[in-house]
Amino acid sequence: MIVTEDVGAVQREAWARGVLPPVEQVRPGLWSIPVPMPRNPLRYVLIYALALPDGLALMDVGWDSEESWRALVDGIAQTGHHVTDVRYAAVTHLHPDHFGLAPRLREVSGAALAMHSADAALLGHHSPEDTTADEQLWNTQLAQLGAPTDILAAARVDLVRLGAGESMDVVLGDGTPLDLPGWDLRAVWTPGHTPGHLTFVDDTHGLMFSGDHMLPRISPNISTVPGELENPLHRYLLSLHATTSMPDGEVLPAHEYRFRGIADRARQLMGHHEERFAEIVQTLGVHPESTAWEISQHISWSRPFESMSDRLLRLAVRETHAHLLVLADRGSIRSLGGHPERWTPTP
């Protein structure tokens, strides 16, 4: 059943109850479609469908699983369309909950796939040997951060790859118009969560499709990932600062629920990271010469560190490392080097 409601109310209630929200008509010709993320604490990703004169465009496409595909196909049907009516899919970033179904969608519908060049470059076809090399690189980084051996053994490179000889149909840059009839959408480059993360802004309709750049309740994971941004949190904070100057409008995020207050939310997220910086400096004052893993054990998380899954532990220690790099740039702490690398306050 399609639901029309005030900003985010239905999605907010569903999130609080831990259930999948319904397909919802957000505006005339604009729908949100929840697509499940199996075995993931975020539970689902919100895909947005926009009416075109000859079909639909999608913002993100969802996780690559049969359950997710069925939910996407059914959600599109509830808008009065068929999955083969999808003409265009703009992908906010390369993570599998946003891009995973893209190859299948293109095969079924012929939809053109669009993404920022920095993320598109990371989606090239990889052989099994390439994937093994990537996993070894990730394990090397985790060991340098001080992660224990069992966390290393569980590491897997979790990216969707394109087939041999395949590429994105449309490569987007900062400010590129999407050229979707009936909409005034442009791509806005917001690197940090990934090198090529994009938000999509429609000033005429007062909309921002924020992907994972800005969520209403939680802070997106900003981590150091081998082969990606060298200082991702620095780039993310710059992206947030730029976001504060955007005209206010309705934010349509990829997770949780819709909200308003673009500048206020950006400032809240920047404030959150300042609090985390202060917490890390305080922790190093008590535990100098610590590794990123040891620091991660002493700082606060939304759930106890020792109860996290291996995947969440890897995200946590890489997120801590991203904060350490910014603090080192600011001169608040310094690296002592070594294997694993250790950190201490600057005198």
Protein backbone atom coordinates (compact mmCIF):
# COMPACT_ATOMS: atom_id res chain seq x y z
CA MET A 1 0.00 0.00 0.00
CA ILE A 2 1.33 3.45 -0.92
CA VAL A 3 1.19 5.96 1.91
CA THR A 4 1.25 9.76 1.68
CA GLU A 5 2.33 11.46 4.92
CA ASP A 6 4.04 14.50 6.43
CA VAL A 7 7.84 14.55 6.21
CA GLY A 8 9.27 11.28 7.48
CA ALA A 9 6.47 10.38 9.91
CA VAL A 10 5.71 6.93 8.50
CA GLN A 11 9.39 6.09 8.01
CA ARG A 12 10.25 7.37 11.48
CA GLU A 13 7.57 5.20 13.11
CA ALA A 14 8.67 2.13 11.16
CA TRP A 15 12.30 2.71 12.14
CA ALA A 16 11.34 3.00 15.82
CA ARG A 17 9.29 -0.22 15.64
CA GLY A 18 12.03 -2.11 13.80
CA VAL A 19 9.82 -2.93 10.80
CA LEU A 20 10.01 -2.26 7.08
CA PRO A 21 8.15 0.96 6.15
CA PRO A 22 5.63 0.89 3.31
CA VAL A 23 6.22 2.21 -0.18
CA GLU A 24 5.42 5.89 0.22
CA GLN A 25 4.46 8.62 -2.22
CA VAL A 26 6.67 11.52 -1.12
CA ARG A 27 5.59 14.04 -3.76
CA PRO A 28 3.62 13.73 -6.99
CA GLY A 29 5.75 11.50 -9.16
CA LEU A 30 8.21 10.64 -6.36
CA TRP A 31 8.16 7.50 -4.22
CA SER A 32 10.37 5.93 -1.55
CA ILE A 33 10.84 2.16 -1.76
CA PRO A 34 12.41 0.27 1.18
CA VAL A 35 14.71 -2.54 0.05
CA PRO A 36 15.89 -4.99 2.76
CA MET A 37 19.55 -5.49 3.64
CA PRO A 38 19.74 -9.09 4.92
CA ARG A 39 21.75 -9.60 8.12
CA ASN A 40 22.61 -5.92 8.44
CA PRO A 41 21.75 -3.72 11.48
CA LEU A 42 20.57 -0.92 9.17
CA ARG A 43 17.83 -3.33 8.01
CA TYR A 44 16.95 -1.61 4.71
CA VAL A 45 18.01 1.03 2.23
CA LEU A 46 15.55 3.59 0.88
CA ILE A 47 15.43 3.69 -2.91
CA TYR A 48 13.70 6.67 -4.51
CA ALA A 49 11.75 6.37 -7.76
CA LEU A 50 11.09 9.46 -9.89
CA ALA A 51 8.51 9.54 -12.65
CA LEU A 52 9.72 10.35 -16.15
CA PRO A 53 7.60 10.87 -19.27
CA ASP A 54 8.59 7.39 -20.49
CA GLY A 55 9.23 5.50 -17.25
CA LEU A 56 11.19 5.86 -14.02
CA ALA A 57 14.55 6.99 -12.69
CA LEU A 58 15.95 5.54 -9.45
CA MET A 59 18.19 7.01 -6.79
CA ASP A 60 20.30 4.00 -5.67
CA VAL A 61 19.21 0.43 -6.34
CA GLY A 62 19.75 -1.73 -3.25
CA TRP A 63 21.56 -4.80 -1.96
CA ASP A 64 22.28 -7.76 -4.25
CA SER A 65 20.06 -10.54 -2.93
CA GLU A 66 16.87 -12.26 -4.09
CA GLU A 67 14.92 -10.76 -1.19
CA SER A 68 16.14 -7.28 -2.10
CA TRP A 69 15.38 -7.75 -5.80
CA ARG A 70 11.83 -8.91 -5.05
CA ALA A 71 11.28 -5.90 -2.79
CA LEU A 72 12.56 -3.51 -5.46
CA VAL A 73 10.41 -5.08 -8.21
CA ASP A 74 7.33 -5.11 -5.97
CA GLY A 75 7.93 -1.54 -4.81
CA ILE A 76 8.21 -0.33 -8.38
CA ALA A 77 4.94 -2.14 -9.18
CA GLN A 78 3.25 -0.20 -6.38
CA THR A 79 4.14 3.05 -8.16
CA GLY A 80 2.18 1.84 -11.20
CA HIS A 81 5.29 0.86 -13.17
CA HIS A 82 7.22 -2.26 -14.05
CA VAL A 83 10.93 -2.80 -13.39
CA THR A 84 11.49 -2.73 -17.15
CA ASP A 85 10.26 0.90 -17.08
CA VAL A 86 13.43 2.02 -15.27
CA ARG A 87 15.39 4.22 -17.67
CA TYR A 88 18.10 5.65 -15.39
CA ALA A 89 19.68 4.86 -12.03
CA ALA A 90 21.80 7.49 -10.26
CA VAL A 91 23.97 5.82 -7.61
CA THR A 92 25.12 7.87 -4.62
CA HIS A 93 28.15 5.68 -3.98
CA LEU A 94 29.74 2.29 -4.55
CA HIS A 95 28.76 0.46 -1.34
CA PRO A 96 26.84 -2.77 -1.98
CA ASP A 97 23.60 -1.63 -0.33
CA HIS A 98 23.44 1.22 -2.86
CA PHE A 99 24.97 -0.29 -5.98
CA GLY A 100 24.52 -4.06 -5.50
CA LEU A 101 21.53 -4.60 -7.80
CA ALA A 102 22.79 -2.24 -10.51
CA PRO A 103 24.19 -4.90 -12.88
CA ARG A 104 20.98 -6.95 -12.64
CA LEU A 105 18.78 -3.88 -13.09
CA ARG A 106 20.70 -2.86 -16.21
CA GLU A 107 20.42 -6.38 -17.63
CA VAL A 108 16.64 -6.52 -17.05
CA SER A 109 15.65 -2.96 -17.95
CA GLY A 110 18.49 -1.49 -19.98
CA ALA A 111 18.68 1.40 -17.49
CA ALA A 112 21.64 3.75 -17.79
CA LEU A 113 23.81 3.66 -14.65
CA ALA A 114 25.35 6.90 -13.35
CA MET A 115 28.00 7.39 -10.66
CA HIS A 116 30.85 9.76 -9.75
CA SER A 117 34.11 9.00 -11.54
CA ALA A 118 36.06 8.39 -8.30
CA ASP A 119 33.75 5.56 -7.24
CA ALA A 120 33.25 4.25 -10.78
CA ALA A 121 37.02 3.74 -10.99
CA LEU A 122 36.84 1.32 -8.05
CA LEU A 123 34.16 -0.88 -9.65
CA GLY A 124 36.22 -2.31 -12.48
CA HIS A 125 36.28 -6.05 -13.11
CA HIS A 126 38.61 -7.91 -10.75
CA SER A 127 39.90 -11.43 -11.20
CA PRO A 128 39.97 -13.83 -8.23
CA GLU A 129 43.69 -13.07 -7.95
CA ASP A 130 42.95 -9.33 -7.74
CA THR A 131 40.36 -9.91 -5.00
CA THR A 132 42.83 -12.01 -3.01
CA ALA A 133 45.41 -9.22 -3.30
CA ASP A 134 42.83 -6.68 -2.09
CA GLU A 135 42.01 -8.86 0.93
CA GLN A 136 45.71 -9.13 1.76
CA LEU A 137 45.99 -5.33 1.54
CA TRP A 138 43.04 -4.91 3.92
CA ASN A 139 44.57 -7.41 6.35
CA THR A 140 47.91 -5.61 6.22
CA GLN A 141 46.19 -2.36 7.12
CA LEU A 142 44.22 -3.95 9.97
CA ALA A 143 47.40 -5.48 11.39
CA GLN A 144 49.09 -2.06 11.26
CA LEU A 145 46.13 -0.66 13.23
CA GLY A 146 46.72 -3.31 15.91
CA ALA A 147 43.71 -5.55 15.19
CA PRO A 148 44.04 -9.13 16.50
CA THR A 149 44.68 -12.05 14.17
CA ASP A 150 41.12 -13.42 14.23
CA ILE A 151 39.78 -10.08 12.97
CA LEU A 152 42.29 -10.20 10.11
CA ALA A 153 41.32 -13.72 9.11
CA ALA A 154 37.68 -12.68 8.77
CA ALA A 155 38.36 -9.69 6.50
CA ARG A 156 36.77 -9.79 3.06
CA VAL A 157 36.63 -7.13 0.37
CA ASP A 158 32.90 -6.46 0.17
CA LEU A 159 32.40 -4.63 -3.13
CA VAL A 160 30.20 -5.32 -6.11
CA ARG A 161 32.21 -5.61 -9.29
CA LEU A 162 31.23 -4.99 -12.89
CA GLY A 163 31.72 -7.71 -15.46
CA ALA A 164 34.73 -7.81 -17.73
CA GLY A 165 34.53 -5.00 -20.28
CA GLU A 166 31.62 -3.28 -18.52
CA SER A 167 31.61 0.27 -17.16
CA MET A 168 29.20 2.92 -15.93
CA ASP A 169 27.05 4.45 -18.65
CA VAL A 170 27.23 7.98 -17.23
CA VAL A 171 30.12 9.39 -15.20
CA LEU A 172 29.07 12.33 -13.04
CA GLY A 173 31.13 15.20 -11.66
CA ASP A 174 30.42 17.95 -9.15
CA GLY A 175 27.55 20.04 -10.51
CA THR A 176 26.67 17.72 -13.40
CA PRO A 177 22.94 18.00 -14.28
CA LEU A 178 21.12 14.67 -14.44
CA ASP A 179 18.94 15.73 -17.38
CA LEU A 180 15.82 13.95 -16.16
CA PRO A 181 12.69 15.56 -17.69
CA GLY A 182 10.42 17.07 -15.04
CA TRP A 183 13.22 17.36 -12.47
CA ASP A 184 15.93 19.94 -11.78
CA LEU A 185 18.52 17.54 -10.39
CA ARG A 186 22.26 18.06 -10.24
CA ALA A 187 25.02 15.98 -8.68
CA VAL A 188 26.86 17.47 -5.70
CA TRP A 189 30.17 15.80 -4.83
CA THR A 190 30.35 15.05 -1.09
CA PRO A 191 33.45 12.86 -0.62
CA GLY A 192 34.22 11.25 2.72
CA HIS A 193 32.05 8.18 3.14
CA THR A 194 33.54 7.09 -0.19
CA PRO A 195 35.85 8.98 -2.59
CA GLY A 196 33.04 9.68 -5.05
CA HIS A 197 30.00 9.98 -2.82
CA LEU A 198 27.29 12.13 -4.42
CA THR A 199 24.18 13.82 -3.18
CA PHE A 200 21.54 14.86 -5.69
CA VAL A 201 19.89 18.25 -5.25
CA ASP A 202 16.72 19.62 -6.87
CA ASP A 203 16.43 23.31 -5.99
CA THR A 204 13.12 23.72 -7.83
CA HIS A 205 11.41 21.07 -5.73
CA GLY A 206 13.45 21.70 -2.56
CA LEU A 207 14.88 18.18 -2.35
CA MET A 208 18.22 16.63 -1.40
CA PHE A 209 18.80 12.93 -1.98
CA SER A 210 21.60 12.58 0.57
CA GLY A 211 22.65 8.93 0.26
CA ASP A 212 24.83 8.25 3.32
CA HIS A 213 26.33 11.75 3.47
CA MET A 214 23.71 12.90 5.95
CA LEU A 215 21.33 10.71 7.98
CA PRO A 216 18.80 12.00 10.53
CA ARG A 217 19.92 10.05 13.61
CA ILE A 218 23.25 8.30 13.16
CA SER A 219 26.63 9.43 11.89
CA PRO A 220 27.76 7.58 8.74
CA ASN A 221 30.90 5.52 9.04
CA ILE A 222 33.94 7.43 7.81
CA SER A 223 36.85 4.99 7.60
CA THR A 224 40.31 4.66 6.15
CA VAL A 225 40.07 2.07 3.37
CA PRO A 226 43.14 0.91 1.43
CA GLY A 227 43.15 2.32 -2.08
CA GLU A 228 40.61 5.05 -1.30
CA LEU A 229 40.90 8.49 0.34
CA GLU A 230 44.06 9.01 2.37
CA ASN A 231 42.32 11.30 4.88
CA PRO A 232 38.59 10.55 4.49
CA LEU A 233 37.36 12.32 7.63
CA HIS A 234 39.08 15.56 6.62
CA ARG A 235 37.29 15.37 3.27
CA TYR A 236 33.99 14.51 4.96
CA LEU A 237 34.19 17.49 7.30
CA LEU A 238 34.83 19.74 4.31
CA SER A 239 31.80 18.22 2.59
CA LEU A 240 29.66 18.85 5.68
CA HIS A 241 30.88 22.44 5.89
CA ALA A 242 29.89 22.98 2.24
CA THR A 243 26.50 21.43 2.97
CA THR A 244 25.72 24.12 5.57
CA SER A 245 25.46 26.71 2.79
CA MET A 246 22.86 24.77 0.79
CA PRO A 247 19.28 26.09 0.68
CA ASP A 248 17.08 24.28 3.18
CA GLY A 249 14.78 21.61 1.87
CA GLU A 250 13.57 18.09 2.48
CA VAL A 251 16.36 15.55 2.93
CA LEU A 252 15.70 12.10 1.50
CA PRO A 253 18.42 9.87 3.01
CA ALA A 254 19.23 6.28 2.10
CA HIS A 255 18.58 5.03 5.65
CA GLU A 256 16.24 5.74 8.56
CA TYR A 257 13.75 8.47 7.55
CA ARG A 258 13.23 11.80 5.76
CA PHE A 259 13.81 15.07 7.60
CA ARG A 260 14.32 18.81 7.23
CA GLY A 261 17.11 21.08 8.45
CA ILE A 262 20.11 20.57 6.16
CA ALA A 263 22.45 23.12 7.75
CA ASP A 264 21.47 22.21 11.31
CA ARG A 265 22.08 18.51 10.72
CA ALA A 266 25.44 19.20 9.07
CA ARG A 267 26.51 21.24 12.11
CA GLN A 268 25.32 18.48 14.45
CA LEU A 269 27.46 15.94 12.58
CA MET A 270 30.50 18.23 12.67
CA GLY A 271 29.91 18.68 16.40
CA HIS A 272 29.73 14.92 16.87
CA HIS A 273 33.17 14.51 15.35
CA GLU A 274 34.61 17.30 17.49
CA GLU A 275 33.36 15.43 20.56
CA ARG A 276 35.01 12.26 19.28
CA PHE A 277 38.29 14.12 18.70
CA ALA A 278 38.23 15.35 22.28
CA GLU A 279 37.44 11.86 23.58
CA ILE A 280 40.38 10.34 21.68
CA VAL A 281 42.81 13.00 22.94
CA GLN A 282 41.59 12.38 26.48
CA THR A 283 41.98 8.61 26.01
CA LEU A 284 45.54 9.00 24.76
CA GLY A 285 46.29 11.17 27.79
CA VAL A 286 45.42 8.20 29.98
CA HIS A 287 46.74 5.51 27.62
CA PRO A 288 49.66 7.00 25.66
CA GLU A 289 51.46 4.99 23.00
CA SER A 290 48.29 3.12 22.04
CA THR A 291 47.35 1.51 18.74
CA ALA A 292 44.14 2.43 16.92
CA TRP A 293 42.67 -0.88 18.11
CA GLU A 294 43.52 -0.15 21.74
CA ILE A 295 42.07 3.36 21.48
CA SER A 296 38.89 1.92 19.96
CA GLN A 297 38.46 -0.27 23.04
CA HIS A 298 38.47 2.77 25.34
CA ILE A 299 36.14 5.17 23.50
CA SER A 300 32.34 5.13 23.38
CA TRP A 301 30.26 3.42 20.70
CA SER A 302 26.54 2.95 20.11
CA ARG A 303 26.95 -0.64 21.35
CA PRO A 304 29.65 -2.23 23.54
CA PHE A 305 32.88 -2.70 21.60
CA GLU A 306 33.29 -6.29 22.79
CA SER A 307 29.80 -7.21 21.53
CA MET A 308 30.36 -6.04 17.94
CA SER A 309 30.56 -8.46 15.04
CA ASP A 310 33.89 -8.84 13.25
CA ARG A 311 32.61 -6.63 10.44
CA LEU A 312 31.60 -3.85 12.85
CA LEU A 313 34.93 -4.14 14.67
CA ARG A 314 36.78 -3.59 11.42
CA LEU A 315 34.63 -0.55 10.67
CA ALA A 316 35.18 0.79 14.19
CA VAL A 317 38.99 0.58 14.17
CA ARG A 318 39.18 2.12 10.70
CA GLU A 319 36.87 4.90 11.85
CA THR A 320 39.15 5.52 14.84
CA HIS A 321 42.11 5.65 12.47
CA ALA A 322 40.35 8.30 10.37
CA HIS A 323 40.00 10.46 13.49
CA LEU A 324 43.65 9.92 14.40
CA LEU A 325 44.78 11.23 11.02
CA VAL A 326 42.84 14.48 11.45
CA LEU A 327 44.13 14.94 15.00
CA ALA A 328 47.68 14.42 13.76
CA ASP A 329 47.14 17.05 11.05
CA ARG A 330 45.91 19.43 13.75
CA GLY A 331 49.01 18.76 15.85
CA SER A 332 47.04 17.39 18.82
CA ILE A 333 48.66 13.94 18.64
CA ARG A 334 51.58 12.33 16.82
CA SER A 335 52.41 8.94 15.42
CA LEU A 336 55.25 6.97 16.97
CA GLY A 337 55.38 4.69 13.95
CA GLY A 338 56.13 1.05 14.46
CA HIS A 339 54.31 -2.16 13.53
CA PRO A 340 51.59 -1.80 14.67
CA GLU A 341 51.54 1.98 14.61
CA ARG A 342 51.21 3.72 17.99
CA TRP A 343 49.94 7.17 18.84
CA THR A 344 50.58 9.57 21.71
CA PRO A 345 49.60 13.14 22.66
CA THR A 346 51.76 15.97 21.38
CA PRO A 347 53.64 17.59 24.29
